Amino acid sequence: MKNNKLVNFYHTFFKSREAECNETLIRDFINKTRDNSDTPYDLAVVDHYIKDPQFVENSIIKYILHMEHLDVNMEYLSLYAKQMNASAVKASEDKIVIMDELLTYTTLSFFLTVYSYAYDNRQDNEERCIRNMWSILENQGKKHTIAVHDIADIVEMISLPKNIINLAMDTFWNAWTFIIGHELFHLSVNKEMPEMQEEYAADAYGYQILLHLIEKQKREEVPEGMKVYFENMYLAPVMLFQYFAVMDEYRELSGESIAYIDHPAPEKRQNHIFEMFETDVPDDFETDEGNELLNLFLESLESLMSKVYQKYFF
C-alpha cells in the first residue's frame, strides 16, 4: 500500500511520540535492570523495537488476519492524535486502523497503576499510585495530553515487580487485541446497519477474536513472541471499559456533560461482553482465575479512586 493516501494524510497531520523515543535512555535503563534476575525486560526485544516500534502490533494483526481468514488489505498506524480512541477508516481501496498513542499510553498506565495498588500495599507505593491516577484523570482523561510524570515515579513504575508488570502488560495486549478486532469488523463489514448495532456487532467480533487467540494459546499454537493470551485474561475487555467508565465519572464530576450518540456507554458494552459468556466462552475455559482477577481489579480500582477523590477533588 505504498500509495495509500489515507496513510499520507494522517502522517501529515499527526506525529508519533513513540517513533521519537530516546534510544540511549531506553538502553541504559535495560542494561541497569539486567543485573536483576527478576527483570521482565529483554534487550533483544528492545533491538526489534528500536528498528520498528510497531513490530509486535503488526505481527499480531497479521496472525489475526490469517487466523480469521480475513482478506483485508490494511495498514496499522500508531499516532499521537489526542483523541483517546481507535478508529477504522476506509476510502476507496485504502484501509487503515489508527490507534491513538494517547489511548495506548493511558490504558497501559492505568493497568500498571491499578495492579500496583492491588499487589503492593506499601505506603509510598499507595501515594505514588494516587498521584499517577490523578495525572491520568486530569491530563490524559480531561486535557487529552500525554503528561510528563515525575521522573522518580516513572522509574518506580517501570521497576515494579515482574509479576505486576507482566499482569499489566498481558491485560494491555488482550485489551488492545479486542480493540483491533473491533476495528477490523468496521473495515470488513459490507452491509449497512444502524451505528449502535454496528458498534455492538464490532464488540462481539473483537471479543470472539480474543477468545479464539486464547483457545489457540491453550493448544500451543500461538507463536512464542505472542504468548499473552492466557485464560485469566478473558475479561480484559471489561477492564478496558471500566477505564472509560472511570474517565466518564471524573469528567462528569468536573462539570462536563457526557452523552453517547453513536456509541454505547461503557457500562452497556461491559454488559454485552458478560452476556456473551454463556454463548461464546468455550466450556473448557478455566474461568475462575479470570473472575477472581476481575473482582480484584474492580475492588482495587474502587478503593484507589476513593482515595484519589478524597485527596484531589472533594
C-alpha atoms as a PDB file:
ATOM      1  CA  MET A   1       0.000   0.000   0.000  1.00  0.00           C
ATOM      2  CA  LYS A   2       2.808   2.379  -0.910  1.00  0.00           C
ATOM      3  CA  ASN A   3       0.422   4.963  -2.400  1.00  0.00           C
ATOM      4  CA  ASN A   4      -2.064   4.902   0.450  1.00  0.00           C
ATOM      5  CA  LYS A   5      -3.456   8.442   0.524  1.00  0.00           C
ATOM      6  CA  LEU A   6      -5.041   7.906   3.936  1.00  0.00           C
ATOM      7  CA  VAL A   7      -1.692   6.985   5.468  1.00  0.00           C
ATOM      8  CA  ASN A   8      -0.059  10.050   3.938  1.00  0.00           C
ATOM      9  CA  PHE A   9      -2.908  12.227   5.214  1.00  0.00           C
ATOM     10  CA  TYR A  10      -2.602  11.051   8.816  1.00  0.00           C
ATOM     11  CA  HIS A  11       1.191  11.253   8.800  1.00  0.00           C
ATOM     12  CA  THR A  12       0.898  14.831   7.560  1.00  0.00           C
ATOM     13  CA  PHE A  13      -1.351  15.962  10.402  1.00  0.00           C
ATOM     14  CA  PHE A  14      -0.247  13.684  13.268  1.00  0.00           C
ATOM     15  CA  LYS A  15       3.151  12.612  14.534  1.00  0.00           C
ATOM     16  CA  SER A  16       4.270   9.656  16.624  1.00  0.00           C
ATOM     17  CA  ARG A  17       5.812  10.317  20.013  1.00  0.00           C
ATOM     18  CA  GLU A  18       6.855   6.676  20.154  1.00  0.00           C
ATOM     19  CA  ALA A  19       8.882   6.995  16.950  1.00  0.00           C
ATOM     20  CA  GLU A  20      10.834   9.793  18.636  1.00  0.00           C
ATOM     21  CA  CYS A  21      11.769   7.693  21.678  1.00  0.00           C
ATOM     22  CA  ASN A  22      15.139   8.196  23.353  1.00  0.00           C
ATOM     23  CA  GLU A  23      17.101   5.076  22.363  1.00  0.00           C
ATOM     24  CA  THR A  24      20.009   5.825  24.689  1.00  0.00           C
ATOM     25  CA  LEU A  25      17.726   6.284  27.682  1.00  0.00           C
ATOM     26  CA  ILE A  26      15.909   3.014  26.929  1.00  0.00           C
ATOM     27  CA  ARG A  27      19.107   1.008  26.521  1.00  0.00           C
ATOM     28  CA  ASP A  28      20.663   2.493  29.654  1.00  0.00           C
ATOM     29  CA  PHE A  29      17.610   1.514  31.685  1.00  0.00           C
ATOM     30  CA  ILE A  30      17.523  -2.043  30.279  1.00  0.00           C
ATOM     31  CA  ASN A  31      21.234  -2.519  30.924  1.00  0.00           C
ATOM     32  CA  LYS A  32      20.785  -1.412  34.542  1.00  0.00           C
ATOM     33  CA  THR A  33      17.913  -3.851  35.077  1.00  0.00           C
ATOM     34  CA  ARG A  34      19.774  -6.810  33.540  1.00  0.00           C
ATOM     35  CA  ASP A  35      21.592  -7.307  36.818  1.00  0.00           C
ATOM     36  CA  ASN A  36      18.224  -8.033  38.404  1.00  0.00           C
ATOM     37  CA  SER A  37      17.270 -11.641  37.698  1.00  0.00           C
ATOM     38  CA  ASP A  38      13.607 -10.733  38.145  1.00  0.00           C
ATOM     39  CA  THR A  39      13.546  -8.152  35.337  1.00  0.00           C
ATOM     40  CA  PRO A  40      10.772  -8.544  32.737  1.00  0.00           C
ATOM     41  CA  TYR A  41      12.751  -6.685  30.069  1.00  0.00           C
ATOM     42  CA  ASP A  42      14.540  -8.344  27.167  1.00  0.00           C
ATOM     43  CA  LEU A  43      17.291  -6.472  25.319  1.00  0.00           C
ATOM     44  CA  ALA A  44      16.678  -8.483  22.127  1.00  0.00           C
ATOM     45  CA  VAL A  45      13.089  -7.202  22.045  1.00  0.00           C
ATOM     46  CA  VAL A  46      14.375  -3.657  22.503  1.00  0.00           C
ATOM     47  CA  ASP A  47      16.554  -4.113  19.401  1.00  0.00           C
ATOM     48  CA  HIS A  48      13.459  -5.037  17.387  1.00  0.00           C
ATOM     49  CA  TYR A  49      11.506  -2.164  18.899  1.00  0.00           C
ATOM     50  CA  ILE A  50      14.125   0.466  18.032  1.00  0.00           C
ATOM     51  CA  LYS A  51      14.110  -0.667  14.390  1.00  0.00           C
ATOM     52  CA  ASP A  52      10.311  -0.947  14.158  1.00  0.00           C
ATOM     53  CA  PRO A  53       8.225   0.351  17.103  1.00  0.00           C
ATOM     54  CA  GLN A  54       5.110  -1.436  15.788  1.00  0.00           C
ATOM     55  CA  PHE A  55       6.647  -4.834  15.045  1.00  0.00           C
ATOM     56  CA  VAL A  56       4.614  -6.542  17.780  1.00  0.00           C
ATOM     57  CA  GLU A  57       1.337  -4.905  16.737  1.00  0.00           C
ATOM     58  CA  ASN A  58       1.816  -5.758  13.071  1.00  0.00           C
ATOM     59  CA  SER A  59       2.761  -9.353  13.907  1.00  0.00           C
ATOM     60  CA  ILE A  60      -0.434  -9.816  15.921  1.00  0.00           C
ATOM     61  CA  ILE A  61      -2.589  -8.218  13.214  1.00  0.00           C
ATOM     62  CA  LYS A  62      -1.027 -10.447  10.556  1.00  0.00           C
ATOM     63  CA  TYR A  63      -1.710 -13.502  12.711  1.00  0.00           C
ATOM     64  CA  ILE A  64      -5.339 -12.451  13.304  1.00  0.00           C
ATOM     65  CA  LEU A  65      -5.968 -11.889   9.586  1.00  0.00           C
ATOM     66  CA  HIS A  66      -4.627 -15.363   8.825  1.00  0.00           C
ATOM     67  CA  MET A  67      -6.458 -16.982  11.757  1.00  0.00           C
ATOM     68  CA  GLU A  68      -9.815 -15.463  10.799  1.00  0.00           C
ATOM     69  CA  HIS A  69      -9.277 -15.875   7.031  1.00  0.00           C
ATOM     70  CA  LEU A  70      -9.760 -12.146   6.566  1.00  0.00           C
ATOM     71  CA  ASP A  71      -8.824 -10.639   3.214  1.00  0.00           C
ATOM     72  CA  VAL A  72      -8.360  -7.092   4.452  1.00  0.00           C
ATOM     73  CA  ASN A  73      -5.539  -5.122   2.862  1.00  0.00           C
ATOM     74  CA  MET A  74      -4.915  -2.612   5.628  1.00  0.00           C
ATOM     75  CA  GLU A  75      -2.265  -0.644   7.453  1.00  0.00           C
ATOM     76  CA  TYR A  76      -1.880  -0.004  11.161  1.00  0.00           C
ATOM     77  CA  LEU A  77      -0.947   3.469  12.368  1.00  0.00           C
ATOM     78  CA  SER A  78       0.019   4.462  15.874  1.00  0.00           C
ATOM     79  CA  LEU A  79      -0.024   8.258  16.079  1.00  0.00           C
ATOM     80  CA  TYR A  80      -0.487  10.934  18.717  1.00  0.00           C
ATOM     81  CA  ALA A  81      -3.842  12.401  17.663  1.00  0.00           C
ATOM     82  CA  LYS A  82      -5.063  13.353  21.174  1.00  0.00           C
ATOM     83  CA  GLN A  83      -8.440  11.697  20.566  1.00  0.00           C
ATOM     84  CA  MET A  84      -8.344   8.891  23.163  1.00  0.00           C
ATOM     85  CA  ASN A  85      -9.669   6.294  20.745  1.00  0.00           C
ATOM     86  CA  ALA A  86      -9.014   3.937  17.877  1.00  0.00           C
ATOM     87  CA  SER A  87     -10.771   4.163  14.547  1.00  0.00           C
ATOM     88  CA  ALA A  88     -11.144   2.308  11.279  1.00  0.00           C
ATOM     89  CA  VAL A  89     -11.024   4.463   8.176  1.00  0.00           C
ATOM     90  CA  LYS A  90     -11.560   3.408   4.607  1.00  0.00           C
ATOM     91  CA  ALA A  91     -11.682   5.337   1.354  1.00  0.00           C
ATOM     92  CA  SER A  92     -11.744   3.622  -1.994  1.00  0.00           C
ATOM     93  CA  GLU A  93      -9.166   0.804  -1.713  1.00  0.00           C
ATOM     94  CA  ASP A  94      -7.301   2.347   1.218  1.00  0.00           C
ATOM     95  CA  LYS A  95      -7.997   0.903   4.669  1.00  0.00           C
ATOM     96  CA  ILE A  96      -6.289   1.751   7.934  1.00  0.00           C
ATOM     97  CA  VAL A  97      -6.694   1.300  11.654  1.00  0.00           C
ATOM     98  CA  ILE A  98      -5.358   4.292  13.547  1.00  0.00           C
ATOM     99  CA  MET A  99      -4.629   3.768  17.231  1.00  0.00           C
ATOM    100  CA  ASP A 100      -4.111   6.948  19.183  1.00  0.00           C
ATOM    101  CA  GLU A 101      -0.947   6.803  21.277  1.00  0.00           C
ATOM    102  CA  LEU A 102      -2.844   8.707  23.940  1.00  0.00           C
ATOM    103  CA  LEU A 103      -5.148   5.687  24.297  1.00  0.00           C
ATOM    104  CA  THR A 104      -2.386   3.081  24.431  1.00  0.00           C
ATOM    105  CA  TYR A 105      -0.207   5.146  26.764  1.00  0.00           C
ATOM    106  CA  THR A 106      -3.062   5.872  29.132  1.00  0.00           C
ATOM    107  CA  THR A 107      -4.557   2.381  29.276  1.00  0.00           C
ATOM    108  CA  LEU A 108      -1.146   0.863  29.998  1.00  0.00           C
ATOM    109  CA  SER A 109      -0.518   3.458  32.724  1.00  0.00           C
ATOM    110  CA  PHE A 110      -3.995   2.743  34.086  1.00  0.00           C
ATOM    111  CA  PHE A 111      -3.433  -1.031  34.261  1.00  0.00           C
ATOM    112  CA  LEU A 112       0.028  -0.633  35.804  1.00  0.00           C
ATOM    113  CA  THR A 113      -1.322   1.739  38.440  1.00  0.00           C
ATOM    114  CA  VAL A 114      -4.309  -0.403  39.446  1.00  0.00           C
ATOM    115  CA  TYR A 115      -2.310  -3.641  39.628  1.00  0.00           C
ATOM    116  CA  SER A 116       0.478  -1.933  41.531  1.00  0.00           C
ATOM    117  CA  TYR A 117      -2.048  -0.598  44.040  1.00  0.00           C
ATOM    118  CA  ALA A 118      -3.656  -4.064  44.310  1.00  0.00           C
ATOM    119  CA  TYR A 119      -0.465  -6.034  44.927  1.00  0.00           C
ATOM    120  CA  ASP A 120       1.844  -3.586  46.698  1.00  0.00           C
ATOM    121  CA  ASN A 121       0.416  -2.142  49.939  1.00  0.00           C
ATOM    122  CA  ARG A 122       3.450  -0.100  50.934  1.00  0.00           C
ATOM    123  CA  GLN A 123       2.531   3.445  51.914  1.00  0.00           C
ATOM    124  CA  ASP A 124       4.910   5.075  49.439  1.00  0.00           C
ATOM    125  CA  ASN A 125       3.518   2.936  46.626  1.00  0.00           C
ATOM    126  CA  GLU A 126      -0.054   3.828  47.545  1.00  0.00           C
ATOM    127  CA  GLU A 127       0.837   7.529  47.430  1.00  0.00           C
ATOM    128  CA  ARG A 128       2.537   7.068  44.065  1.00  0.00           C
ATOM    129  CA  CYS A 129      -0.495   5.227  42.644  1.00  0.00           C
ATOM    130  CA  ILE A 130      -2.781   8.023  43.830  1.00  0.00           C
ATOM    131  CA  ARG A 131      -0.580  10.624  42.101  1.00  0.00           C
ATOM    132  CA  ASN A 132      -0.394   8.565  38.919  1.00  0.00           C
ATOM    133  CA  MET A 133      -4.145   8.007  38.759  1.00  0.00           C
ATOM    134  CA  TRP A 134      -4.813  11.699  39.295  1.00  0.00           C
ATOM    135  CA  SER A 135      -2.422  12.524  36.455  1.00  0.00           C
ATOM    136  CA  ILE A 136      -4.194  10.030  34.199  1.00  0.00           C
ATOM    137  CA  LEU A 137      -7.576  11.558  35.022  1.00  0.00           C
ATOM    138  CA  GLU A 138      -6.561  15.191  34.786  1.00  0.00           C
ATOM    139  CA  ASN A 139      -4.127  15.115  31.881  1.00  0.00           C
ATOM    140  CA  GLN A 140      -4.996  12.183  29.646  1.00  0.00           C
ATOM    141  CA  GLY A 141      -8.680  11.909  30.505  1.00  0.00           C
ATOM    142  CA  LYS A 142      -9.643  15.574  30.667  1.00  0.00           C
ATOM    143  CA  LYS A 143      -7.000  17.525  28.753  1.00  0.00           C
ATOM    144  CA  HIS A 144      -6.208  14.725  26.288  1.00  0.00           C
ATOM    145  CA  THR A 145      -2.468  15.187  26.555  1.00  0.00           C
ATOM    146  CA  ILE A 146       0.313  12.799  27.474  1.00  0.00           C
ATOM    147  CA  ALA A 147       1.663  14.344  30.630  1.00  0.00           C
ATOM    148  CA  VAL A 148       5.253  14.312  31.810  1.00  0.00           C
ATOM    149  CA  HIS A 149       5.277  12.428  35.099  1.00  0.00           C
ATOM    150  CA  ASP A 150       7.738  12.925  37.893  1.00  0.00           C
ATOM    151  CA  ILE A 151      10.865  11.008  36.832  1.00  0.00           C
ATOM    152  CA  ALA A 152      11.080   9.255  40.195  1.00  0.00           C
ATOM    153  CA  ASP A 153       7.531   7.921  39.766  1.00  0.00           C
ATOM    154  CA  ILE A 154       8.321   6.747  36.233  1.00  0.00           C
ATOM    155  CA  VAL A 155      11.402   4.853  37.401  1.00  0.00           C
ATOM    156  CA  GLU A 156       9.432   3.268  40.231  1.00  0.00           C
ATOM    157  CA  MET A 157       6.556   2.215  37.968  1.00  0.00           C
ATOM    158  CA  ILE A 158       8.718   0.608  35.297  1.00  0.00           C
ATOM    159  CA  SER A 159      10.784  -1.038  38.032  1.00  0.00           C
ATOM    160  CA  LEU A 160       7.759  -2.758  39.549  1.00  0.00           C
ATOM    161  CA  PRO A 161       7.998  -6.468  40.409  1.00  0.00           C
ATOM    162  CA  LYS A 162       7.945  -8.723  37.375  1.00  0.00           C
ATOM    163  CA  ASN A 163       4.571 -10.276  38.199  1.00  0.00           C
ATOM    164  CA  ILE A 164       2.850  -6.854  38.307  1.00  0.00           C
ATOM    165  CA  ILE A 165       4.397  -5.660  35.046  1.00  0.00           C
ATOM    166  CA  ASN A 166       3.578  -8.934  33.287  1.00  0.00           C
ATOM    167  CA  LEU A 167      -0.011  -8.839  34.519  1.00  0.00           C
ATOM    168  CA  ALA A 168      -0.470  -5.244  33.389  1.00  0.00           C
ATOM    169  CA  MET A 169       1.152  -5.933  30.019  1.00  0.00           C
ATOM    170  CA  ASP A 170      -0.956  -9.057  29.443  1.00  0.00           C
ATOM    171  CA  THR A 171      -4.115  -7.088  30.238  1.00  0.00           C
ATOM    172  CA  PHE A 172      -2.994  -4.302  27.911  1.00  0.00           C
ATOM    173  CA  TRP A 173      -2.288  -6.623  24.970  1.00  0.00           C
ATOM    174  CA  ASN A 174      -5.549  -8.525  25.397  1.00  0.00           C
ATOM    175  CA  ALA A 175      -7.482  -5.237  25.543  1.00  0.00           C
ATOM    176  CA  TRP A 176      -5.519  -3.929  22.534  1.00  0.00           C
ATOM    177  CA  THR A 177      -6.332  -7.105  20.603  1.00  0.00           C
ATOM    178  CA  PHE A 178     -10.021  -6.689  21.396  1.00  0.00           C
ATOM    179  CA  ILE A 179      -9.858  -3.119  20.050  1.00  0.00           C
ATOM    180  CA  ILE A 180      -8.128  -4.290  16.864  1.00  0.00           C
ATOM    181  CA  GLY A 181     -10.782  -6.972  16.347  1.00  0.00           C
ATOM    182  CA  HIS A 182     -13.471  -4.322  16.844  1.00  0.00           C
ATOM    183  CA  GLU A 183     -11.899  -2.089  14.186  1.00  0.00           C
ATOM    184  CA  LEU A 184     -11.362  -4.997  11.777  1.00  0.00           C
ATOM    185  CA  PHE A 185     -15.107  -5.571  11.862  1.00  0.00           C
ATOM    186  CA  HIS A 186     -15.673  -1.975  10.768  1.00  0.00           C
ATOM    187  CA  LEU A 187     -13.177  -2.432   7.912  1.00  0.00           C
ATOM    188  CA  SER A 188     -14.631  -5.723   6.706  1.00  0.00           C
ATOM    189  CA  VAL A 189     -18.407  -5.264   7.186  1.00  0.00           C
ATOM    190  CA  ASN A 190     -20.173  -4.936   3.850  1.00  0.00           C
ATOM    191  CA  LYS A 191     -23.746  -4.174   4.880  1.00  0.00           C
ATOM    192  CA  GLU A 192     -25.295  -1.020   6.230  1.00  0.00           C
ATOM    193  CA  MET A 193     -26.606  -1.148   9.788  1.00  0.00           C
ATOM    194  CA  PRO A 194     -27.550   1.382  12.480  1.00  0.00           C
ATOM    195  CA  GLU A 195     -24.496   2.830  14.230  1.00  0.00           C
ATOM    196  CA  MET A 196     -25.336   1.408  17.649  1.00  0.00           C
ATOM    197  CA  GLN A 197     -25.996  -2.026  16.190  1.00  0.00           C
ATOM    198  CA  GLU A 198     -22.690  -1.949  14.317  1.00  0.00           C
ATOM    199  CA  GLU A 199     -20.806  -0.993  17.481  1.00  0.00           C
ATOM    200  CA  TYR A 200     -22.264  -3.924  19.420  1.00  0.00           C
ATOM    201  CA  ALA A 201     -21.523  -6.234  16.483  1.00  0.00           C
ATOM    202  CA  ALA A 202     -17.937  -4.925  16.338  1.00  0.00           C
ATOM    203  CA  ASP A 203     -17.519  -5.548  20.078  1.00  0.00           C
ATOM    204  CA  ALA A 204     -18.827  -9.093  19.661  1.00  0.00           C
ATOM    205  CA  TYR A 205     -16.431  -9.702  16.773  1.00  0.00           C
ATOM    206  CA  GLY A 206     -13.475  -8.271  18.674  1.00  0.00           C
ATOM    207  CA  TYR A 207     -14.289 -10.416  21.686  1.00  0.00           C
ATOM    208  CA  GLN A 208     -14.623 -13.545  19.556  1.00  0.00           C
ATOM    209  CA  ILE A 209     -11.188 -12.882  18.066  1.00  0.00           C
ATOM    210  CA  LEU A 210      -9.732 -12.555  21.568  1.00  0.00           C
ATOM    211  CA  LEU A 211     -11.354 -15.838  22.642  1.00  0.00           C
ATOM    212  CA  HIS A 212     -10.014 -17.549  19.519  1.00  0.00           C
ATOM    213  CA  LEU A 213      -6.492 -16.426  20.400  1.00  0.00           C
ATOM    214  CA  ILE A 214      -6.871 -17.705  23.950  1.00  0.00           C
ATOM    215  CA  GLU A 215      -8.017 -21.039  22.509  1.00  0.00           C
ATOM    216  CA  LYS A 216      -5.024 -21.068  20.158  1.00  0.00           C
ATOM    217  CA  GLN A 217      -2.623 -20.459  23.017  1.00  0.00           C
ATOM    218  CA  LYS A 218      -4.231 -23.275  25.039  1.00  0.00           C
ATOM    219  CA  ARG A 219      -3.386 -25.568  22.126  1.00  0.00           C
ATOM    220  CA  GLU A 220       0.198 -24.194  21.986  1.00  0.00           C
ATOM    221  CA  GLU A 221      -0.410 -22.779  18.509  1.00  0.00           C
ATOM    222  CA  VAL A 222       0.370 -19.126  19.213  1.00  0.00           C
ATOM    223  CA  PRO A 223       3.934 -18.038  18.287  1.00  0.00           C
ATOM    224  CA  GLU A 224       6.312 -17.662  21.223  1.00  0.00           C
ATOM    225  CA  GLY A 225       6.554 -13.894  20.960  1.00  0.00           C
ATOM    226  CA  MET A 226       2.756 -13.526  21.165  1.00  0.00           C
ATOM    227  CA  LYS A 227       2.007 -15.672  24.218  1.00  0.00           C
ATOM    228  CA  VAL A 228      -0.015 -13.161  26.210  1.00  0.00           C
ATOM    229  CA  TYR A 229      -3.423 -14.781  25.680  1.00  0.00           C
ATOM    230  CA  PHE A 230      -3.882 -16.593  28.966  1.00  0.00           C
ATOM    231  CA  GLU A 231      -7.256 -17.833  30.158  1.00  0.00           C
ATOM    232  CA  ASN A 232      -7.281 -15.426  33.088  1.00  0.00           C
ATOM    233  CA  MET A 233      -7.353 -12.580  30.546  1.00  0.00           C
ATOM    234  CA  TYR A 234     -10.710 -13.463  29.035  1.00  0.00           C
ATOM    235  CA  LEU A 235     -12.353 -10.473  30.766  1.00  0.00           C
ATOM    236  CA  ALA A 236      -9.705  -7.907  29.780  1.00  0.00           C
ATOM    237  CA  PRO A 237     -12.257  -6.002  27.619  1.00  0.00           C
ATOM    238  CA  VAL A 238     -14.384  -5.478  30.739  1.00  0.00           C
ATOM    239  CA  MET A 239     -11.368  -3.877  32.430  1.00  0.00           C
ATOM    240  CA  LEU A 240     -10.870  -1.689  29.360  1.00  0.00           C
ATOM    241  CA  PHE A 241     -14.453  -0.454  29.517  1.00  0.00           C
ATOM    242  CA  GLN A 242     -14.024   0.203  33.230  1.00  0.00           C
ATOM    243  CA  TYR A 243     -11.215   2.567  32.299  1.00  0.00           C
ATOM    244  CA  PHE A 244     -13.622   4.510  30.060  1.00  0.00           C
ATOM    245  CA  ALA A 245     -16.267   4.471  32.795  1.00  0.00           C
ATOM    246  CA  VAL A 246     -13.781   5.964  35.282  1.00  0.00           C
ATOM    247  CA  MET A 247     -12.910   8.688  32.782  1.00  0.00           C
ATOM    248  CA  ASP A 248     -16.587   9.495  32.285  1.00  0.00           C
ATOM    249  CA  GLU A 249     -17.181   9.645  36.039  1.00  0.00           C
ATOM    250  CA  TYR A 250     -14.313  12.071  36.512  1.00  0.00           C
ATOM    251  CA  ARG A 251     -15.390  14.302  33.623  1.00  0.00           C
ATOM    252  CA  GLU A 252     -18.943  14.431  34.954  1.00  0.00           C
ATOM    253  CA  LEU A 253     -17.662  15.375  38.412  1.00  0.00           C
ATOM    254  CA  SER A 254     -15.655  18.101  36.700  1.00  0.00           C
ATOM    255  CA  GLY A 255     -18.839  19.545  35.227  1.00  0.00           C
ATOM    256  CA  GLU A 256     -18.808  18.025  31.739  1.00  0.00           C
ATOM    257  CA  SER A 257     -21.934  16.556  30.173  1.00  0.00           C
ATOM    258  CA  ILE A 258     -21.387  13.030  28.861  1.00  0.00           C
ATOM    259  CA  ALA A 259     -23.636  11.885  26.026  1.00  0.00           C
ATOM    260  CA  TYR A 260     -23.335   8.770  23.868  1.00  0.00           C
ATOM    261  CA  ILE A 261     -24.970   9.218  20.469  1.00  0.00           C
ATOM    262  CA  ASP A 262     -23.324   6.765  18.078  1.00  0.00           C
ATOM    263  CA  HIS A 263     -21.549   4.508  20.621  1.00  0.00           C
ATOM    264  CA  PRO A 264     -22.999   2.597  23.597  1.00  0.00           C
ATOM    265  CA  ALA A 265     -21.940   3.749  27.066  1.00  0.00           C
ATOM    266  CA  PRO A 266     -19.089   1.739  28.682  1.00  0.00           C
ATOM    267  CA  GLU A 267     -21.451   0.055  31.169  1.00  0.00           C
ATOM    268  CA  LYS A 268     -23.661  -1.203  28.328  1.00  0.00           C
ATOM    269  CA  ARG A 269     -20.642  -2.517  26.468  1.00  0.00           C
ATOM    270  CA  GLN A 270     -19.482  -4.312  29.603  1.00  0.00           C
ATOM    271  CA  ASN A 271     -22.888  -5.930  29.991  1.00  0.00           C
ATOM    272  CA  HIS A 272     -22.768  -7.004  26.355  1.00  0.00           C
ATOM    273  CA  ILE A 273     -19.471  -8.828  26.983  1.00  0.00           C
ATOM    274  CA  PHE A 274     -20.929 -10.502  30.077  1.00  0.00           C
ATOM    275  CA  GLU A 275     -23.952 -11.641  28.021  1.00  0.00           C
ATOM    276  CA  MET A 276     -21.591 -13.406  25.614  1.00  0.00           C
ATOM    277  CA  PHE A 277     -20.263 -15.587  28.446  1.00  0.00           C
ATOM    278  CA  GLU A 278     -22.924 -18.286  28.005  1.00  0.00           C
ATOM    279  CA  THR A 279     -22.743 -18.406  24.217  1.00  0.00           C
ATOM    280  CA  ASP A 280     -19.146 -17.645  23.223  1.00  0.00           C
ATOM    281  CA  VAL A 281     -16.744 -18.575  26.023  1.00  0.00           C
ATOM    282  CA  PRO A 282     -15.680 -22.216  25.446  1.00  0.00           C
ATOM    283  CA  ASP A 283     -16.806 -24.721  28.063  1.00  0.00           C
ATOM    284  CA  ASP A 284     -13.243 -25.910  28.677  1.00  0.00           C
ATOM    285  CA  PHE A 285     -12.014 -22.456  29.712  1.00  0.00           C
ATOM    286  CA  GLU A 286     -10.832 -22.223  33.318  1.00  0.00           C
ATOM    287  CA  THR A 287     -12.674 -19.035  34.188  1.00  0.00           C
ATOM    288  CA  ASP A 288     -12.322 -18.981  37.988  1.00  0.00           C
ATOM    289  CA  GLU A 289      -8.952 -17.234  37.946  1.00  0.00           C
ATOM    290  CA  GLY A 290     -10.169 -14.704  35.393  1.00  0.00           C
ATOM    291  CA  ASN A 291     -13.234 -13.949  37.519  1.00  0.00           C
ATOM    292  CA  GLU A 292     -11.093 -13.526  40.618  1.00  0.00           C
ATOM    293  CA  LEU A 293      -8.699 -11.258  38.745  1.00  0.00           C
ATOM    294  CA  LEU A 294     -11.544  -9.050  37.536  1.00  0.00           C
ATOM    295  CA  ASN A 295     -13.017  -8.800  41.033  1.00  0.00           C
ATOM    296  CA  LEU A 296      -9.608  -7.884  42.466  1.00  0.00           C
ATOM    297  CA  PHE A 297      -9.129  -5.304  39.731  1.00  0.00           C
ATOM    298  CA  LEU A 298     -12.542  -3.681  40.265  1.00  0.00           C
ATOM    299  CA  GLU A 299     -12.273  -3.663  44.059  1.00  0.00           C
ATOM    300  CA  SER A 300      -8.763  -2.211  43.966  1.00  0.00           C
ATOM    301  CA  LEU A 301      -9.825   0.429  41.461  1.00  0.00           C
ATOM    302  CA  GLU A 302     -12.804   1.449  43.589  1.00  0.00           C
ATOM    303  CA  SER A 303     -10.579   1.804  46.661  1.00  0.00           C
ATOM    304  CA  LEU A 304      -7.941   3.735  44.725  1.00  0.00           C
ATOM    305  CA  MET A 305     -10.467   6.115  43.173  1.00  0.00           C
ATOM    306  CA  SER A 306     -11.967   6.829  46.583  1.00  0.00           C
ATOM    307  CA  LYS A 307      -8.561   7.930  47.852  1.00  0.00           C
ATOM    308  CA  VAL A 308      -7.834   9.938  44.703  1.00  0.00           C
ATOM    309  CA  TYR A 309     -11.070  11.893  45.052  1.00  0.00           C
ATOM    310  CA  GLN A 310     -10.524  12.417  48.777  1.00  0.00           C
ATOM    311  CA  LYS A 311      -7.086  13.906  48.146  1.00  0.00           C
ATOM    312  CA  TYR A 312      -7.638  15.931  44.998  1.00  0.00           C
ATOM    313  CA  PHE A 313     -11.302  16.521  44.408  1.00  0.00           C
ATOM    314  CA  PHE A 314     -13.553  16.751  47.449  1.00  0.00           C
END
